[in-house]
Amino acid sequence: MNKEIIIAYLNEHDSNCPYRTVSTGIKKNKNCTLCSHMNRDVSILITKIQGARETVDVGIAISPGAGLIPYEPYKKAGFLIFRQEEKDETARIQRIFQEALMLGYESAVLVSHNVPNLPPRYIENALSDLRNGHSLVLGPSENGMFYLIGIKKEFYAQLRRNNVGNALSFYNPELRDFNLKTLQNLCESCAVLPKWYFLKSIEDMKKLYRDENDGRGWKAKWTRLIAQDLLG
């Protein structure tokens, strides 16, 4: 086991799927396929990080109710499997960090499935920041949420002692301002990555094409294929 782990936070298609609104503006309703392709891409993305599997472990956090059988190939490929067991996203994130750090990792980085085209260097920079004295790294999205949260074991313990673990959340708009201010106040060594965007709309899908063509975003092969079908 290495000292660091990167975990992809996956999403399963259901009645609360965030992509259900996208279906009204696309020609073919394949949201479930879109979810699975984004999961696939973000899982591949974290294996492209320098040192992945060799000096940095990789994992996936699968959604509540998701069967383990579809993820057996991931396990065979060296991914650790975590379950999103709690009732809401904020509690699930806390649980995943807790489990990872209790396994003995000194730091853990959690990446949202909503950014399958995130440049790999952003994740590498997060690991570098954690190695070089920062206790917390946040990747802000363009809507004020977070696409990445990286944390050191000691700082996570501090959050739990102060009962503010609920500041760790990707998507909760009600916690947005509270999250950033609270975390920065508690952490004197908080690093903030460049902004990136969630893929949650037709315009975001179009942007994926532009960014890849311009060399900004990671290729996200499978998401790009299904987005092309959805937008075609």
Protein backbone atom coordinates (compact mmCIF):
# COMPACT_ATOMS: atom_id res chain seq x y z
CA MET A 1 0.00 0.00 0.00
CA ASN A 2 1.23 3.48 -0.87
CA LYS A 3 0.85 6.61 1.26
CA GLU A 4 -1.56 8.41 -1.09
CA ILE A 5 -4.76 7.45 -2.86
CA ILE A 6 -6.91 9.06 -5.56
CA ILE A 7 -10.57 8.04 -5.56
CA ALA A 8 -13.09 8.63 -8.35
CA TYR A 9 -16.54 9.46 -6.92
CA LEU A 10 -18.95 7.74 -9.33
CA ASN A 11 -22.64 8.24 -10.14
CA GLU A 12 -25.35 5.76 -11.14
CA HIS A 13 -28.35 6.65 -13.27
CA ASP A 14 -31.60 6.76 -11.28
CA SER A 15 -34.67 8.95 -10.81
CA ASN A 16 -32.49 11.64 -9.21
CA CYS A 17 -29.83 11.57 -11.90
CA PRO A 18 -28.50 15.10 -12.54
CA TYR A 19 -28.56 14.42 -16.29
CA ARG A 20 -32.31 13.95 -16.52
CA THR A 21 -32.68 17.65 -17.40
CA VAL A 22 -30.16 17.31 -20.22
CA SER A 23 -32.47 14.83 -21.95
CA THR A 24 -34.94 17.58 -22.87
CA GLY A 25 -32.39 19.19 -25.15
CA ILE A 26 -30.82 16.19 -26.83
CA LYS A 27 -32.00 14.05 -29.72
CA LYS A 28 -31.59 10.69 -27.99
CA ASN A 29 -32.22 9.95 -24.34
CA LYS A 30 -29.23 7.91 -23.24
CA ASN A 31 -28.56 9.43 -19.84
CA CYS A 32 -27.82 6.08 -18.27
CA THR A 33 -25.13 5.45 -20.87
CA LEU A 34 -23.79 8.94 -20.33
CA CYS A 35 -23.43 8.29 -16.59
CA SER A 36 -21.58 5.02 -17.14
CA HIS A 37 -19.28 6.57 -19.74
CA MET A 38 -18.41 9.49 -17.46
CA ASN A 39 -17.67 7.01 -14.67
CA ARG A 40 -15.45 5.06 -17.01
CA ASP A 41 -13.54 8.13 -18.16
CA VAL A 42 -12.90 9.60 -14.72
CA SER A 43 -11.71 6.17 -13.54
CA ILE A 44 -9.30 5.99 -16.48
CA LEU A 45 -8.26 9.60 -15.86
CA ILE A 46 -6.94 8.92 -12.37
CA THR A 47 -4.80 6.06 -13.69
CA LYS A 48 -3.07 8.54 -16.01
CA ILE A 49 -1.65 10.48 -13.08
CA GLN A 50 2.09 10.19 -12.70
CA GLY A 51 2.85 7.32 -10.33
CA ALA A 52 -0.67 5.86 -10.38
CA ARG A 53 -0.66 2.28 -9.07
CA GLU A 54 3.11 2.47 -8.52
CA THR A 55 3.49 5.19 -5.89
CA VAL A 56 -0.13 6.40 -5.67
CA ASP A 57 -3.04 4.01 -5.18
CA VAL A 58 -6.35 4.42 -7.04
CA GLY A 59 -9.91 3.69 -6.02
CA ILE A 60 -13.54 4.18 -6.97
CA ALA A 61 -16.48 5.07 -4.74
CA ILE A 62 -19.61 3.44 -6.12
CA SER A 63 -23.12 4.75 -5.55
CA PRO A 64 -25.65 3.36 -3.05
CA GLY A 65 -27.41 0.34 -4.46
CA ALA A 66 -24.82 -0.25 -7.17
CA GLY A 67 -23.96 -3.91 -7.61
CA LEU A 68 -20.37 -5.01 -7.18
CA ILE A 69 -20.35 -7.37 -10.17
CA PRO A 70 -20.04 -4.60 -12.83
CA TYR A 71 -17.02 -3.26 -10.95
CA GLU A 72 -15.11 -6.53 -10.67
CA PRO A 73 -12.91 -5.55 -13.66
CA TYR A 74 -11.91 -2.41 -11.76
CA LYS A 75 -10.95 -4.47 -8.74
CA LYS A 76 -8.87 -6.80 -10.91
CA ALA A 77 -7.21 -3.72 -12.43
CA GLY A 78 -6.01 -2.62 -9.00
CA PHE A 79 -8.74 -0.21 -7.87
CA LEU A 80 -9.83 -0.22 -4.25
CA ILE A 81 -13.63 -0.24 -3.99
CA PHE A 82 -15.45 2.10 -1.61
CA ARG A 83 -19.22 2.29 -1.08
CA GLN A 84 -21.24 5.52 -0.82
CA GLU A 85 -23.18 4.21 2.15
CA GLU A 86 -24.66 7.29 3.81
CA LYS A 87 -27.98 9.08 3.23
CA ASP A 88 -26.64 12.19 1.48
CA GLU A 89 -23.64 13.21 -0.56
CA THR A 90 -21.92 15.18 2.21
CA ALA A 91 -22.09 12.23 4.62
CA ARG A 92 -20.90 9.88 1.88
CA ILE A 93 -17.83 11.99 1.22
CA GLN A 94 -17.00 12.06 4.93
CA ARG A 95 -17.39 8.28 5.09
CA ILE A 96 -15.13 7.69 2.09
CA PHE A 97 -12.39 9.92 3.48
CA GLN A 98 -12.70 8.28 6.88
CA GLU A 99 -12.44 4.77 5.45
CA ALA A 100 -9.50 5.64 3.19
CA LEU A 101 -7.53 7.36 5.93
CA MET A 102 -8.29 4.61 8.45
CA LEU A 103 -6.71 2.16 6.01
CA GLY A 104 -3.45 4.00 6.66
CA TYR A 105 -3.20 6.52 3.83
CA GLU A 106 -1.59 9.82 4.81
CA SER A 107 -3.64 11.73 2.25
CA ALA A 108 -6.59 11.12 -0.05
CA VAL A 109 -7.88 12.95 -3.12
CA LEU A 110 -11.50 12.59 -4.20
CA VAL A 111 -12.46 13.52 -7.77
CA SER A 112 -16.04 14.05 -8.94
CA HIS A 113 -17.35 11.98 -11.85
CA ASN A 114 -18.69 15.27 -13.30
CA VAL A 115 -15.24 16.22 -14.61
CA PRO A 116 -14.15 13.29 -16.82
CA ASN A 117 -12.20 15.72 -19.03
CA LEU A 118 -10.26 17.34 -16.15
CA PRO A 119 -6.61 17.93 -17.12
CA PRO A 120 -4.48 15.29 -15.32
CA ARG A 121 -2.06 17.97 -14.18
CA TYR A 122 -4.76 19.39 -11.89
CA ILE A 123 -4.80 16.14 -9.92
CA GLU A 124 -1.01 15.95 -9.98
CA ASN A 125 -0.86 19.49 -8.64
CA ALA A 126 -3.24 18.53 -5.83
CA LEU A 127 -0.95 15.67 -4.83
CA SER A 128 2.07 17.97 -5.04
CA ASP A 129 0.38 20.54 -2.80
CA LEU A 130 -0.41 17.87 -0.20
CA ARG A 131 3.16 16.61 -0.30
CA ASN A 132 4.56 20.10 0.13
CA GLY A 133 2.89 21.16 3.33
CA HIS A 134 -0.74 21.90 2.45
CA SER A 135 -3.34 20.13 4.57
CA LEU A 136 -6.21 20.71 2.18
CA VAL A 137 -6.61 21.17 -1.58
CA LEU A 138 -9.84 22.34 -3.21
CA GLY A 139 -10.71 22.29 -6.90
CA PRO A 140 -13.49 24.87 -7.41
CA SER A 141 -15.96 24.48 -10.24
CA GLU A 142 -17.24 27.44 -12.22
CA ASN A 143 -20.57 27.33 -10.35
CA GLY A 144 -18.89 27.60 -6.97
CA MET A 145 -18.94 23.91 -6.08
CA PHE A 146 -15.92 21.63 -5.85
CA TYR A 147 -14.76 19.08 -8.43
CA LEU A 148 -11.86 17.85 -6.27
CA ILE A 149 -11.15 17.65 -2.55
CA GLY A 150 -7.76 16.53 -1.28
CA ILE A 151 -7.02 16.21 2.41
CA LYS A 152 -4.29 15.14 4.80
CA LYS A 153 -5.08 12.65 7.53
CA GLU A 154 -4.26 15.07 10.34
CA PHE A 155 -6.52 17.81 8.99
CA TYR A 156 -9.41 15.43 8.49
CA ALA A 157 -9.09 14.45 12.15
CA GLN A 158 -9.19 18.16 13.03
CA LEU A 159 -12.42 18.62 11.05
CA ARG A 160 -14.02 15.73 12.92
CA ARG A 161 -12.92 17.11 16.28
CA ASN A 162 -14.49 20.47 15.38
CA ASN A 163 -17.68 18.80 14.05
CA VAL A 164 -17.39 20.55 10.69
CA GLY A 165 -16.90 17.53 8.48
CA ASN A 166 -20.05 18.58 6.64
CA ALA A 167 -17.99 21.29 4.99
CA LEU A 168 -16.72 18.57 2.64
CA SER A 169 -19.20 18.53 -0.21
CA PHE A 170 -19.08 18.61 -4.00
CA TYR A 171 -22.50 19.84 -5.02
CA ASN A 172 -24.58 21.21 -2.12
CA PRO A 173 -25.36 24.86 -3.05
CA GLU A 174 -26.61 25.57 0.47
CA LEU A 175 -23.14 24.81 1.81
CA ARG A 176 -21.18 26.54 -0.94
CA ASP A 177 -20.10 29.72 0.87
CA PHE A 178 -19.96 27.95 4.23
CA ASN A 179 -17.68 25.29 2.79
CA LEU A 180 -14.96 27.52 1.43
CA LYS A 181 -14.92 30.03 4.29
CA THR A 182 -15.06 27.39 7.00
CA LEU A 183 -12.38 25.20 5.47
CA GLN A 184 -10.04 28.12 4.81
CA ASN A 185 -10.51 29.46 8.34
CA LEU A 186 -9.64 26.09 9.84
CA CYS A 187 -6.77 25.38 7.49
CA GLU A 188 -3.89 27.82 7.32
CA SER A 189 -2.38 25.85 4.46
CA CYS A 190 -5.28 25.47 2.01
CA ALA A 191 -4.37 25.30 -1.68
CA VAL A 192 -6.89 26.16 -4.40
CA LEU A 193 -6.61 24.71 -7.91
CA PRO A 194 -7.71 26.45 -11.12
CA LYS A 195 -11.44 26.41 -11.83
CA TRP A 196 -12.96 23.71 -14.04
CA TYR A 197 -16.54 22.98 -15.03
CA PHE A 198 -19.04 20.18 -14.45
CA LEU A 199 -20.59 18.46 -17.47
CA LYS A 200 -24.24 19.10 -16.69
CA SER A 201 -25.75 20.77 -19.76
CA ILE A 202 -25.76 20.77 -23.53
CA GLU A 203 -23.43 23.78 -23.53
CA ASP A 204 -21.01 21.93 -21.25
CA MET A 205 -20.97 19.01 -23.71
CA LYS A 206 -20.11 21.41 -26.52
CA LYS A 207 -17.37 22.94 -24.39
CA LEU A 208 -15.86 19.49 -23.92
CA TYR A 209 -15.23 19.35 -27.66
CA ARG A 210 -13.73 22.83 -27.78
CA ASP A 211 -11.42 22.25 -24.84
CA GLU A 212 -10.10 18.97 -26.18
CA ASN A 213 -9.51 20.49 -29.60
CA ASP A 214 -7.68 23.39 -27.93
CA GLY A 215 -5.58 21.03 -25.83
CA ARG A 216 -7.11 22.18 -22.53
CA GLY A 217 -9.14 19.18 -21.43
CA TRP A 218 -8.27 15.50 -21.15
CA LYS A 219 -9.62 13.44 -24.03
CA ALA A 220 -12.46 11.71 -22.09
CA LYS A 221 -12.90 9.29 -24.97
CA TRP A 222 -16.08 7.54 -23.84
CA THR A 223 -17.90 10.67 -22.71
CA ARG A 224 -17.01 12.35 -25.97
CA LEU A 225 -18.45 9.44 -27.97
CA ILE A 226 -21.78 9.43 -26.16
CA ALA A 227 -21.97 13.24 -26.18
CA GLN A 228 -21.51 13.14 -29.93
CA ASP A 229 -24.41 10.69 -30.17
CA LEU A 230 -26.56 12.77 -27.83
CA LEU A 231 -25.86 16.01 -29.66
CA GLY A 232 -25.89 14.55 -33.17
